[in-house]
Amino acid sequence: MNLRPLIAVTALAAASSLALAGCSSSDPGSASAGGSSSGAIRVVASTDVYGDIASQIGGSAVAVTSILTNPNQDPHGFEADAKTQLAISKAQIIMENGGGYDDYVDTMRSSTSSKAVLIDAVKLSGFTPIDGELNEHVFYDYPTMVKVANALAADLAKEAPSKAESFFDNAAAFRASMTRLESQTAALKAEHSGDDVSYTEPVPGYLFDAVGLKNVTPGAFSHAVEEGDDVPPRALNDTLKLMSGKKVALLAYNEQASSPETSQVQKAAEKAGVPVVPVTETLPKGDDYQTWQQANIDALKAALAK
């Protein structure tokens, strides 16, 4: 579990009196989460990854607010404000990653006594900690995202029964798109299963698992980076040797959480000719979930082919 401070909640009790005009929405055409004169179902998502899925499943029947949308923002250092607190208080459905990734959602839910339905992706995933550790980045696991879409469709149907058929049809379309992505990872697995790879953080871990790749990064390195701690010198040295000796097929680099140590490893990989695959935890500007993941698969395929 990622134990880095995820947020400093700065909202005050007076937040309920503030307007939500500045709240970001994953769907530019949707109403703000503070309310919807059209009667749209108010959905608040911890990041634009889940906000985009909400928009795909709910369509025009939902007003989606994504709390974190900046592709240049490290999600672990995000700070919420009063508008975010108000959005949470008015939401009918809240979508979070869970697993300690976005605890700010639970903090704000508790402070506002929210009665919203909660969709927790980690709980839906069925993944459990191994030796006390859980890779919470389940948005790189396509079967989990299908479970999220199905759960959302069911919850939306309860909120708006007359539109249930549309929600379930949209969920079916989403499932089909995930099947297409999974067929590509299966094809890569047939060719590259067992290949040694490395990452600065376990962000793409579930995608690597789907392709059958073997992460050989020293655990002390990736753990320290994820927790925001200093990397032990030996772990850094061992990771650098993986790059300089070209002992891995690629390095996956989290663009949203760089540090002197990760930058050093990235430069070592580039110098040795090890392909560097950038990964993110939120959607690149203009991408939906499927486009983002397709780009990740394409980048992985290109790197493994070198």
C-alpha atoms as a PDB file:
ATOM      1  CA  MET A   1       0.000   0.000   0.000  1.00  0.00           C
ATOM      2  CA  ASN A   2       1.245   3.485  -0.773  1.00  0.00           C
ATOM      3  CA  LEU A   3       1.729   5.282   2.527  1.00  0.00           C
ATOM      4  CA  ARG A   4       2.876   8.624   1.162  1.00  0.00           C
ATOM      5  CA  PRO A   5       0.704  11.532   2.317  1.00  0.00           C
ATOM      6  CA  LEU A   6      -1.979  11.655  -0.330  1.00  0.00           C
ATOM      7  CA  ILE A   7      -3.555  14.928   0.641  1.00  0.00           C
ATOM      8  CA  ALA A   8      -3.792  17.857   2.981  1.00  0.00           C
ATOM      9  CA  VAL A   9      -7.513  18.482   3.220  1.00  0.00           C
ATOM     10  CA  THR A  10      -7.923  22.218   3.445  1.00  0.00           C
ATOM     11  CA  ALA A  11     -11.696  22.449   3.202  1.00  0.00           C
ATOM     12  CA  LEU A  12     -13.556  24.035   6.105  1.00  0.00           C
ATOM     13  CA  ALA A  13     -17.028  23.465   7.416  1.00  0.00           C
ATOM     14  CA  ALA A  14     -18.102  26.569   5.564  1.00  0.00           C
ATOM     15  CA  ALA A  15     -17.477  24.735   2.288  1.00  0.00           C
ATOM     16  CA  SER A  16     -21.144  23.914   1.963  1.00  0.00           C
ATOM     17  CA  SER A  17     -21.857  27.564   1.278  1.00  0.00           C
ATOM     18  CA  LEU A  18     -19.455  27.820  -1.666  1.00  0.00           C
ATOM     19  CA  ALA A  19     -20.333  27.509  -5.349  1.00  0.00           C
ATOM     20  CA  LEU A  20     -18.889  24.786  -7.543  1.00  0.00           C
ATOM     21  CA  ALA A  21     -18.360  26.792 -10.689  1.00  0.00           C
ATOM     22  CA  GLY A  22     -14.656  25.940 -10.687  1.00  0.00           C
ATOM     23  CA  CYS A  23     -14.989  22.178 -10.283  1.00  0.00           C
ATOM     24  CA  SER A  24     -13.432  20.207 -13.092  1.00  0.00           C
ATOM     25  CA  SER A  25     -15.552  17.831 -15.108  1.00  0.00           C
ATOM     26  CA  SER A  26     -14.436  14.873 -17.154  1.00  0.00           C
ATOM     27  CA  ASP A  27     -17.249  15.682 -19.549  1.00  0.00           C
ATOM     28  CA  PRO A  28     -17.173  19.322 -20.684  1.00  0.00           C
ATOM     29  CA  GLY A  29     -20.852  19.111 -21.538  1.00  0.00           C
ATOM     30  CA  SER A  30     -21.978  17.875 -18.150  1.00  0.00           C
ATOM     31  CA  ALA A  31     -23.381  19.952 -15.333  1.00  0.00           C
ATOM     32  CA  SER A  32     -21.301  20.872 -12.309  1.00  0.00           C
ATOM     33  CA  ALA A  33     -21.394  18.481  -9.393  1.00  0.00           C
ATOM     34  CA  GLY A  34     -22.970  21.064  -7.154  1.00  0.00           C
ATOM     35  CA  GLY A  35     -26.319  20.349  -8.709  1.00  0.00           C
ATOM     36  CA  SER A  36     -28.016  19.718 -12.023  1.00  0.00           C
ATOM     37  CA  SER A  37     -31.083  21.531 -13.191  1.00  0.00           C
ATOM     38  CA  SER A  38     -31.531  18.799 -15.807  1.00  0.00           C
ATOM     39  CA  GLY A  39     -31.808  16.156 -13.105  1.00  0.00           C
ATOM     40  CA  ALA A  40     -28.555  14.435 -14.081  1.00  0.00           C
ATOM     41  CA  ILE A  41     -27.142  11.970 -11.570  1.00  0.00           C
ATOM     42  CA  ARG A  42     -24.249  13.584  -9.706  1.00  0.00           C
ATOM     43  CA  VAL A  43     -21.105  11.420  -9.845  1.00  0.00           C
ATOM     44  CA  VAL A  44     -17.800  12.396  -8.238  1.00  0.00           C
ATOM     45  CA  ALA A  45     -14.642  10.471  -9.175  1.00  0.00           C
ATOM     46  CA  SER A  46     -11.299  10.669  -7.406  1.00  0.00           C
ATOM     47  CA  THR A  47      -9.414  10.971 -10.714  1.00  0.00           C
ATOM     48  CA  ASP A  48     -10.287  11.547 -14.340  1.00  0.00           C
ATOM     49  CA  VAL A  49      -9.621   7.858 -15.021  1.00  0.00           C
ATOM     50  CA  TYR A  50     -12.780   6.946 -13.135  1.00  0.00           C
ATOM     51  CA  GLY A  51     -14.529  10.113 -14.239  1.00  0.00           C
ATOM     52  CA  ASP A  52     -14.093   9.141 -17.867  1.00  0.00           C
ATOM     53  CA  ILE A  53     -15.513   5.678 -17.241  1.00  0.00           C
ATOM     54  CA  ALA A  54     -18.470   7.299 -15.460  1.00  0.00           C
ATOM     55  CA  SER A  55     -19.107   9.511 -18.484  1.00  0.00           C
ATOM     56  CA  GLN A  56     -18.933   6.538 -20.833  1.00  0.00           C
ATOM     57  CA  ILE A  57     -21.415   4.498 -18.815  1.00  0.00           C
ATOM     58  CA  GLY A  58     -23.750   7.310 -17.780  1.00  0.00           C
ATOM     59  CA  GLY A  59     -23.717   9.432 -20.918  1.00  0.00           C
ATOM     60  CA  SER A  60     -25.943  12.485 -20.771  1.00  0.00           C
ATOM     61  CA  ALA A  61     -27.707  11.115 -17.696  1.00  0.00           C
ATOM     62  CA  VAL A  62     -24.763  11.939 -15.418  1.00  0.00           C
ATOM     63  CA  ALA A  63     -22.987  15.078 -14.258  1.00  0.00           C
ATOM     64  CA  VAL A  64     -19.418  13.982 -13.576  1.00  0.00           C
ATOM     65  CA  THR A  65     -16.831  15.801 -11.492  1.00  0.00           C
ATOM     66  CA  SER A  66     -13.306  14.392 -11.476  1.00  0.00           C
ATOM     67  CA  ILE A  67     -11.302  15.636  -8.509  1.00  0.00           C
ATOM     68  CA  LEU A  68      -7.863  15.140 -10.038  1.00  0.00           C
ATOM     69  CA  THR A  69      -7.451  15.921 -13.731  1.00  0.00           C
ATOM     70  CA  ASN A  70      -4.053  17.579 -14.206  1.00  0.00           C
ATOM     71  CA  PRO A  71      -1.770  15.153 -16.097  1.00  0.00           C
ATOM     72  CA  ASN A  72       1.248  16.968 -14.639  1.00  0.00           C
ATOM     73  CA  GLN A  73       0.083  16.493 -11.037  1.00  0.00           C
ATOM     74  CA  ASP A  74       1.406  13.687  -8.872  1.00  0.00           C
ATOM     75  CA  PRO A  75      -1.795  12.162  -7.444  1.00  0.00           C
ATOM     76  CA  HIS A  76       0.013  11.405  -4.193  1.00  0.00           C
ATOM     77  CA  GLY A  77       0.704  15.079  -3.553  1.00  0.00           C
ATOM     78  CA  PHE A  78      -2.745  16.362  -4.464  1.00  0.00           C
ATOM     79  CA  GLU A  79      -4.409  18.921  -2.201  1.00  0.00           C
ATOM     80  CA  ALA A  80      -8.169  19.337  -2.237  1.00  0.00           C
ATOM     81  CA  ASP A  81     -10.134  22.480  -1.491  1.00  0.00           C
ATOM     82  CA  ALA A  82     -13.562  23.592  -0.334  1.00  0.00           C
ATOM     83  CA  LYS A  83     -15.100  23.077  -3.775  1.00  0.00           C
ATOM     84  CA  THR A  84     -14.015  19.465  -3.746  1.00  0.00           C
ATOM     85  CA  GLN A  85     -15.539  18.971  -0.310  1.00  0.00           C
ATOM     86  CA  LEU A  86     -18.829  20.425  -1.512  1.00  0.00           C
ATOM     87  CA  ALA A  87     -18.811  18.188  -4.581  1.00  0.00           C
ATOM     88  CA  ILE A  88     -18.381  15.156  -2.351  1.00  0.00           C
ATOM     89  CA  SER A  89     -21.214  16.293  -0.087  1.00  0.00           C
ATOM     90  CA  LYS A  90     -23.651  16.586  -3.008  1.00  0.00           C
ATOM     91  CA  ALA A  91     -22.641  13.446  -4.907  1.00  0.00           C
ATOM     92  CA  GLN A  92     -25.104  10.607  -5.386  1.00  0.00           C
ATOM     93  CA  ILE A  93     -22.367   8.189  -6.488  1.00  0.00           C
ATOM     94  CA  ILE A  94     -18.687   8.410  -5.570  1.00  0.00           C
ATOM     95  CA  MET A  95     -15.993   6.469  -7.404  1.00  0.00           C
ATOM     96  CA  GLU A  96     -12.606   5.917  -5.794  1.00  0.00           C
ATOM     97  CA  ASN A  97      -9.611   3.748  -6.484  1.00  0.00           C
ATOM     98  CA  GLY A  98      -9.282   2.617  -2.873  1.00  0.00           C
ATOM     99  CA  GLY A  99      -6.440   0.641  -1.353  1.00  0.00           C
ATOM    100  CA  GLY A 100      -4.983   3.767   0.241  1.00  0.00           C
ATOM    101  CA  TYR A 101      -4.476   5.452  -3.130  1.00  0.00           C
ATOM    102  CA  ASP A 102      -7.026   8.233  -2.709  1.00  0.00           C
ATOM    103  CA  ASP A 103      -7.795   8.346   0.993  1.00  0.00           C
ATOM    104  CA  TYR A 104      -8.752  11.999   0.619  1.00  0.00           C
ATOM    105  CA  VAL A 105     -12.095  10.808  -0.724  1.00  0.00           C
ATOM    106  CA  ASP A 106     -12.860   8.857   2.435  1.00  0.00           C
ATOM    107  CA  THR A 107     -11.686  11.757   4.608  1.00  0.00           C
ATOM    108  CA  MET A 108     -14.071  14.141   2.887  1.00  0.00           C
ATOM    109  CA  ARG A 109     -16.913  11.635   2.842  1.00  0.00           C
ATOM    110  CA  SER A 110     -16.637  11.301   6.603  1.00  0.00           C
ATOM    111  CA  SER A 111     -16.461  15.048   7.179  1.00  0.00           C
ATOM    112  CA  THR A 112     -19.586  15.688   5.096  1.00  0.00           C
ATOM    113  CA  SER A 113     -21.630  12.689   6.300  1.00  0.00           C
ATOM    114  CA  SER A 114     -22.117  11.748   2.654  1.00  0.00           C
ATOM    115  CA  LYS A 115     -24.845   9.230   1.892  1.00  0.00           C
ATOM    116  CA  ALA A 116     -23.577   8.614  -1.637  1.00  0.00           C
ATOM    117  CA  VAL A 117     -23.151   5.118  -3.041  1.00  0.00           C
ATOM    118  CA  LEU A 118     -19.431   4.286  -3.018  1.00  0.00           C
ATOM    119  CA  ILE A 119     -17.667   2.323  -5.763  1.00  0.00           C
ATOM    120  CA  ASP A 120     -14.224   1.163  -4.576  1.00  0.00           C
ATOM    121  CA  ALA A 121     -12.146  -0.283  -7.424  1.00  0.00           C
ATOM    122  CA  VAL A 122      -9.649  -2.120  -5.225  1.00  0.00           C
ATOM    123  CA  LYS A 123     -12.442  -3.866  -3.322  1.00  0.00           C
ATOM    124  CA  LEU A 124     -14.067  -4.872  -6.597  1.00  0.00           C
ATOM    125  CA  SER A 125     -10.752  -6.142  -7.960  1.00  0.00           C
ATOM    126  CA  GLY A 126     -10.491  -8.990  -5.487  1.00  0.00           C
ATOM    127  CA  PHE A 127      -6.765  -8.400  -5.109  1.00  0.00           C
ATOM    128  CA  THR A 128      -5.380  -8.916  -1.621  1.00  0.00           C
ATOM    129  CA  PRO A 129      -2.062  -7.879  -0.071  1.00  0.00           C
ATOM    130  CA  ILE A 130       0.902 -10.201  -0.521  1.00  0.00           C
ATOM    131  CA  ASP A 131       3.342 -10.047   2.398  1.00  0.00           C
ATOM    132  CA  GLY A 132       1.480  -6.950   3.526  1.00  0.00           C
ATOM    133  CA  GLU A 133       1.881  -5.167   0.191  1.00  0.00           C
ATOM    134  CA  LEU A 134      -0.807  -4.386  -2.371  1.00  0.00           C
ATOM    135  CA  ASN A 135      -0.285  -2.724  -5.726  1.00  0.00           C
ATOM    136  CA  GLU A 136      -3.163  -0.272  -5.613  1.00  0.00           C
ATOM    137  CA  HIS A 137      -2.830   0.876  -9.231  1.00  0.00           C
ATOM    138  CA  VAL A 138      -5.726  -1.316 -10.347  1.00  0.00           C
ATOM    139  CA  PHE A 139      -6.653   1.070 -13.161  1.00  0.00           C
ATOM    140  CA  TYR A 140      -4.025  -0.798 -15.195  1.00  0.00           C
ATOM    141  CA  ASP A 141      -5.983  -4.032 -14.703  1.00  0.00           C
ATOM    142  CA  TYR A 142      -8.653  -4.355 -17.388  1.00  0.00           C
ATOM    143  CA  PRO A 143     -10.812  -7.018 -15.688  1.00  0.00           C
ATOM    144  CA  THR A 144     -11.070  -4.722 -12.672  1.00  0.00           C
ATOM    145  CA  MET A 145     -12.186  -1.808 -14.816  1.00  0.00           C
ATOM    146  CA  VAL A 146     -14.900  -4.039 -16.293  1.00  0.00           C
ATOM    147  CA  LYS A 147     -16.109  -4.736 -12.745  1.00  0.00           C
ATOM    148  CA  VAL A 148     -16.135  -1.007 -12.049  1.00  0.00           C
ATOM    149  CA  ALA A 149     -18.171  -0.310 -15.187  1.00  0.00           C
ATOM    150  CA  ASN A 150     -20.655  -3.078 -14.355  1.00  0.00           C
ATOM    151  CA  ALA A 151     -21.064  -1.855 -10.770  1.00  0.00           C
ATOM    152  CA  LEU A 152     -21.577   1.704 -11.942  1.00  0.00           C
ATOM    153  CA  ALA A 153     -24.204   0.670 -14.487  1.00  0.00           C
ATOM    154  CA  ALA A 154     -26.117  -1.171 -11.769  1.00  0.00           C
ATOM    155  CA  ASP A 155     -25.936   1.782  -9.368  1.00  0.00           C
ATOM    156  CA  LEU A 156     -26.975   4.255 -12.046  1.00  0.00           C
ATOM    157  CA  ALA A 157     -29.902   2.015 -12.937  1.00  0.00           C
ATOM    158  CA  LYS A 158     -31.094   2.239  -9.351  1.00  0.00           C
ATOM    159  CA  GLU A 159     -30.905   6.023  -9.485  1.00  0.00           C
ATOM    160  CA  ALA A 160     -32.662   6.263 -12.856  1.00  0.00           C
ATOM    161  CA  PRO A 161     -34.556   3.015 -13.638  1.00  0.00           C
ATOM    162  CA  SER A 162     -36.042   4.407 -16.845  1.00  0.00           C
ATOM    163  CA  LYS A 163     -32.528   4.711 -18.298  1.00  0.00           C
ATOM    164  CA  ALA A 164     -31.240   1.340 -17.084  1.00  0.00           C
ATOM    165  CA  GLU A 165     -31.112  -0.204 -20.559  1.00  0.00           C
ATOM    166  CA  SER A 166     -28.855   2.586 -21.789  1.00  0.00           C
ATOM    167  CA  PHE A 167     -26.491   2.186 -18.833  1.00  0.00           C
ATOM    168  CA  PHE A 168     -26.181  -1.555 -19.321  1.00  0.00           C
ATOM    169  CA  ASP A 169     -25.695  -1.155 -23.077  1.00  0.00           C
ATOM    170  CA  ASN A 170     -22.896   1.327 -22.423  1.00  0.00           C
ATOM    171  CA  ALA A 171     -21.310  -1.086 -19.949  1.00  0.00           C
ATOM    172  CA  ALA A 172     -21.458  -3.838 -22.572  1.00  0.00           C
ATOM    173  CA  ALA A 173     -19.692  -1.575 -25.067  1.00  0.00           C
ATOM    174  CA  PHE A 174     -17.041  -0.804 -22.470  1.00  0.00           C
ATOM    175  CA  ARG A 175     -16.556  -4.527 -21.795  1.00  0.00           C
ATOM    176  CA  ALA A 176     -16.085  -5.129 -25.506  1.00  0.00           C
ATOM    177  CA  SER A 177     -13.382  -2.468 -25.661  1.00  0.00           C
ATOM    178  CA  MET A 178     -11.597  -4.078 -22.718  1.00  0.00           C
ATOM    179  CA  THR A 179     -11.754  -7.443 -24.474  1.00  0.00           C
ATOM    180  CA  ARG A 180      -9.966  -5.897 -27.440  1.00  0.00           C
ATOM    181  CA  LEU A 181      -7.218  -4.568 -25.172  1.00  0.00           C
ATOM    182  CA  GLU A 182      -6.910  -7.926 -23.414  1.00  0.00           C
ATOM    183  CA  SER A 183      -6.510  -9.727 -26.727  1.00  0.00           C
ATOM    184  CA  GLN A 184      -3.511  -7.513 -27.453  1.00  0.00           C
ATOM    185  CA  THR A 185      -1.880  -8.178 -24.086  1.00  0.00           C
ATOM    186  CA  ALA A 186      -2.464 -11.898 -24.617  1.00  0.00           C
ATOM    187  CA  ALA A 187      -0.680 -11.696 -27.986  1.00  0.00           C
ATOM    188  CA  LEU A 188       2.271  -9.922 -26.350  1.00  0.00           C
ATOM    189  CA  LYS A 189       2.338 -12.532 -23.605  1.00  0.00           C
ATOM    190  CA  ALA A 190       2.623 -15.318 -26.145  1.00  0.00           C
ATOM    191  CA  GLU A 191       5.797 -13.705 -27.447  1.00  0.00           C
ATOM    192  CA  HIS A 192       7.366 -12.053 -24.399  1.00  0.00           C
ATOM    193  CA  SER A 193       6.246 -13.948 -21.311  1.00  0.00           C
ATOM    194  CA  GLY A 194       9.139 -14.178 -18.864  1.00  0.00           C
ATOM    195  CA  ASP A 195      11.058 -11.175 -20.225  1.00  0.00           C
ATOM    196  CA  ASP A 196      12.830  -9.195 -17.496  1.00  0.00           C
ATOM    197  CA  VAL A 197      11.717  -5.581 -17.125  1.00  0.00           C
ATOM    198  CA  SER A 198      12.019  -2.776 -14.598  1.00  0.00           C
ATOM    199  CA  TYR A 199       9.914   0.126 -13.342  1.00  0.00           C
ATOM    200  CA  THR A 200      10.500   3.106 -11.087  1.00  0.00           C
ATOM    201  CA  GLU A 201       7.140   2.452  -9.397  1.00  0.00           C
ATOM    202  CA  PRO A 202       4.629  -0.400  -9.758  1.00  0.00           C
ATOM    203  CA  VAL A 203       2.162   1.841 -11.628  1.00  0.00           C
ATOM    204  CA  PRO A 204       1.977  -0.455 -14.714  1.00  0.00           C
ATOM    205  CA  GLY A 205       2.363  -3.618 -12.659  1.00  0.00           C
ATOM    206  CA  TYR A 206      -0.953  -5.180 -13.642  1.00  0.00           C
ATOM    207  CA  LEU A 207      -0.314  -4.487 -17.317  1.00  0.00           C
ATOM    208  CA  PHE A 208       3.086  -6.155 -16.967  1.00  0.00           C
ATOM    209  CA  ASP A 209       1.405  -9.127 -15.292  1.00  0.00           C
ATOM    210  CA  ALA A 210      -1.077  -9.430 -18.163  1.00  0.00           C
ATOM    211  CA  VAL A 211       1.820  -9.602 -20.613  1.00  0.00           C
ATOM    212  CA  GLY A 212       3.712 -12.083 -18.427  1.00  0.00           C
ATOM    213  CA  LEU A 213       6.656  -9.755 -17.867  1.00  0.00           C
ATOM    214  CA  LYS A 214       8.975 -10.287 -14.896  1.00  0.00           C
ATOM    215  CA  ASN A 215       9.762  -7.205 -12.849  1.00  0.00           C
ATOM    216  CA  VAL A 216      13.342  -7.459 -11.529  1.00  0.00           C
ATOM    217  CA  THR A 217      13.599  -4.012  -9.947  1.00  0.00           C
ATOM    218  CA  PRO A 218      15.047  -4.256  -6.431  1.00  0.00           C
ATOM    219  CA  GLY A 219      12.070  -4.029  -4.105  1.00  0.00           C
ATOM    220  CA  ALA A 220      13.853  -1.541  -1.868  1.00  0.00           C
ATOM    221  CA  PHE A 221      14.191   0.848  -4.828  1.00  0.00           C
ATOM    222  CA  SER A 222      10.584   0.905  -6.069  1.00  0.00           C
ATOM    223  CA  HIS A 223       9.218   0.818  -2.513  1.00  0.00           C
ATOM    224  CA  ALA A 224      11.277   3.847  -1.477  1.00  0.00           C
ATOM    225  CA  VAL A 225      10.269   5.764  -4.593  1.00  0.00           C
ATOM    226  CA  GLU A 226       6.590   4.986  -4.078  1.00  0.00           C
ATOM    227  CA  GLU A 227       6.729   6.015  -0.423  1.00  0.00           C
ATOM    228  CA  GLY A 228       8.641   9.206  -1.203  1.00  0.00           C
ATOM    229  CA  ASP A 229      11.636   8.036   0.852  1.00  0.00           C
ATOM    230  CA  ASP A 230      15.335   8.176   0.083  1.00  0.00           C
ATOM    231  CA  VAL A 231      16.416   5.184  -1.959  1.00  0.00           C
ATOM    232  CA  PRO A 232      18.990   3.020  -0.143  1.00  0.00           C
ATOM    233  CA  PRO A 233      22.371   3.385  -1.911  1.00  0.00           C
ATOM    234  CA  ARG A 234      22.673  -0.348  -2.545  1.00  0.00           C
ATOM    235  CA  ALA A 235      19.206  -0.521  -4.097  1.00  0.00           C
ATOM    236  CA  LEU A 236      20.009   2.444  -6.340  1.00  0.00           C
ATOM    237  CA  ASN A 237      23.313   0.902  -7.384  1.00  0.00           C
ATOM    238  CA  ASP A 238      21.682  -2.446  -8.163  1.00  0.00           C
ATOM    239  CA  THR A 239      18.992  -0.720 -10.233  1.00  0.00           C
ATOM    240  CA  LEU A 240      21.578   1.277 -12.151  1.00  0.00           C
ATOM    241  CA  LYS A 241      23.424  -1.970 -12.934  1.00  0.00           C
ATOM    242  CA  LEU A 242      20.244  -3.366 -14.480  1.00  0.00           C
ATOM    243  CA  MET A 243      20.345  -0.454 -16.918  1.00  0.00           C
ATOM    244  CA  SER A 244      24.071  -0.237 -17.607  1.00  0.00           C
ATOM    245  CA  GLY A 245      24.274  -3.980 -18.138  1.00  0.00           C
ATOM    246  CA  LYS A 246      21.160  -3.977 -20.340  1.00  0.00           C
ATOM    247  CA  LYS A 247      19.716  -6.737 -18.189  1.00  0.00           C
ATOM    248  CA  VAL A 248      16.125  -5.606 -18.751  1.00  0.00           C
ATOM    249  CA  ALA A 249      14.052  -5.246 -21.899  1.00  0.00           C
ATOM    250  CA  LEU A 250      12.674  -1.869 -20.816  1.00  0.00           C
ATOM    251  CA  LEU A 251      12.250   0.636 -18.008  1.00  0.00           C
ATOM    252  CA  ALA A 252       8.765   1.962 -17.220  1.00  0.00           C
ATOM    253  CA  TYR A 253       9.092   5.482 -15.842  1.00  0.00           C
ATOM    254  CA  ASN A 254       6.343   7.288 -13.911  1.00  0.00           C
ATOM    255  CA  GLU A 255       6.295  10.745 -15.472  1.00  0.00           C
ATOM    256  CA  GLN A 256       4.211  12.188 -12.640  1.00  0.00           C
ATOM    257  CA  ALA A 257       6.498  11.278  -9.743  1.00  0.00           C
ATOM    258  CA  SER A 258      10.129  11.940 -10.595  1.00  0.00           C
ATOM    259  CA  SER A 259      12.982  12.219  -8.113  1.00  0.00           C
ATOM    260  CA  PRO A 260      16.765  12.545  -8.351  1.00  0.00           C
ATOM    261  CA  GLU A 261      17.081   8.764  -8.076  1.00  0.00           C
ATOM    262  CA  THR A 262      14.479   7.959 -10.748  1.00  0.00           C
ATOM    263  CA  SER A 263      15.970  10.577 -13.062  1.00  0.00           C
ATOM    264  CA  GLN A 264      19.380   8.985 -12.559  1.00  0.00           C
ATOM    265  CA  VAL A 265      17.994   5.562 -13.462  1.00  0.00           C
ATOM    266  CA  GLN A 266      16.190   6.965 -16.504  1.00  0.00           C
ATOM    267  CA  LYS A 267      19.370   8.594 -17.777  1.00  0.00           C
ATOM    268  CA  ALA A 268      21.309   5.374 -17.205  1.00  0.00           C
ATOM    269  CA  ALA A 269      18.726   3.453 -19.226  1.00  0.00           C
ATOM    270  CA  GLU A 270      18.849   5.935 -22.093  1.00  0.00           C
ATOM    271  CA  LYS A 271      22.644   5.890 -22.114  1.00  0.00           C
ATOM    272  CA  ALA A 272      22.710   2.086 -22.259  1.00  0.00           C
ATOM    273  CA  GLY A 273      20.036   1.899 -24.947  1.00  0.00           C
ATOM    274  CA  VAL A 274      17.354   0.403 -22.710  1.00  0.00           C
ATOM    275  CA  PRO A 275      13.931   1.567 -23.994  1.00  0.00           C
ATOM    276  CA  VAL A 276      12.143   3.891 -21.574  1.00  0.00           C
ATOM    277  CA  VAL A 277       8.351   3.631 -21.500  1.00  0.00           C
ATOM    278  CA  PRO A 278       6.655   6.610 -19.814  1.00  0.00           C
ATOM    279  CA  VAL A 279       3.543   5.845 -17.763  1.00  0.00           C
ATOM    280  CA  THR A 280       1.051   8.063 -15.949  1.00  0.00           C
ATOM    281  CA  GLU A 281      -1.623   7.723 -13.284  1.00  0.00           C
ATOM    282  CA  THR A 282      -4.146  10.077 -14.869  1.00  0.00           C
ATOM    283  CA  LEU A 283      -5.357  10.570 -18.423  1.00  0.00           C
ATOM    284  CA  PRO A 284      -3.205  12.485 -20.891  1.00  0.00           C
ATOM    285  CA  LYS A 285      -5.017  15.567 -22.135  1.00  0.00           C
ATOM    286  CA  GLY A 286      -7.683  14.674 -24.696  1.00  0.00           C
ATOM    287  CA  ASP A 287      -7.565  10.910 -24.108  1.00  0.00           C
ATOM    288  CA  ASP A 288     -10.313   8.640 -22.864  1.00  0.00           C
ATOM    289  CA  TYR A 289      -9.494   5.518 -20.851  1.00  0.00           C
ATOM    290  CA  GLN A 290      -9.276   3.195 -23.849  1.00  0.00           C
ATOM    291  CA  THR A 291      -7.110   5.562 -25.909  1.00  0.00           C
ATOM    292  CA  TRP A 292      -4.751   5.969 -22.957  1.00  0.00           C
ATOM    293  CA  GLN A 293      -4.396   2.236 -22.397  1.00  0.00           C
ATOM    294  CA  GLN A 294      -4.036   1.541 -26.108  1.00  0.00           C
ATOM    295  CA  ALA A 295      -1.111   3.969 -26.148  1.00  0.00           C
ATOM    296  CA  ASN A 296       0.417   2.163 -23.173  1.00  0.00           C
ATOM    297  CA  ILE A 297       0.132  -1.185 -24.942  1.00  0.00           C
ATOM    298  CA  ASP A 298       1.576   0.256 -28.152  1.00  0.00           C
ATOM    299  CA  ALA A 299       4.536   1.751 -26.263  1.00  0.00           C
ATOM    300  CA  LEU A 300       5.128  -1.531 -24.465  1.00  0.00           C
ATOM    301  CA  LYS A 301       4.987  -3.480 -27.728  1.00  0.00           C
ATOM    302  CA  ALA A 302       7.437  -1.133 -29.420  1.00  0.00           C
ATOM    303  CA  ALA A 303       9.885  -1.328 -26.515  1.00  0.00           C
ATOM    304  CA  LEU A 304       9.756  -5.114 -26.318  1.00  0.00           C
ATOM    305  CA  ALA A 305      10.383  -5.370 -30.054  1.00  0.00           C
ATOM    306  CA  LYS A 306      13.735  -3.581 -29.778  1.00  0.00           C
END
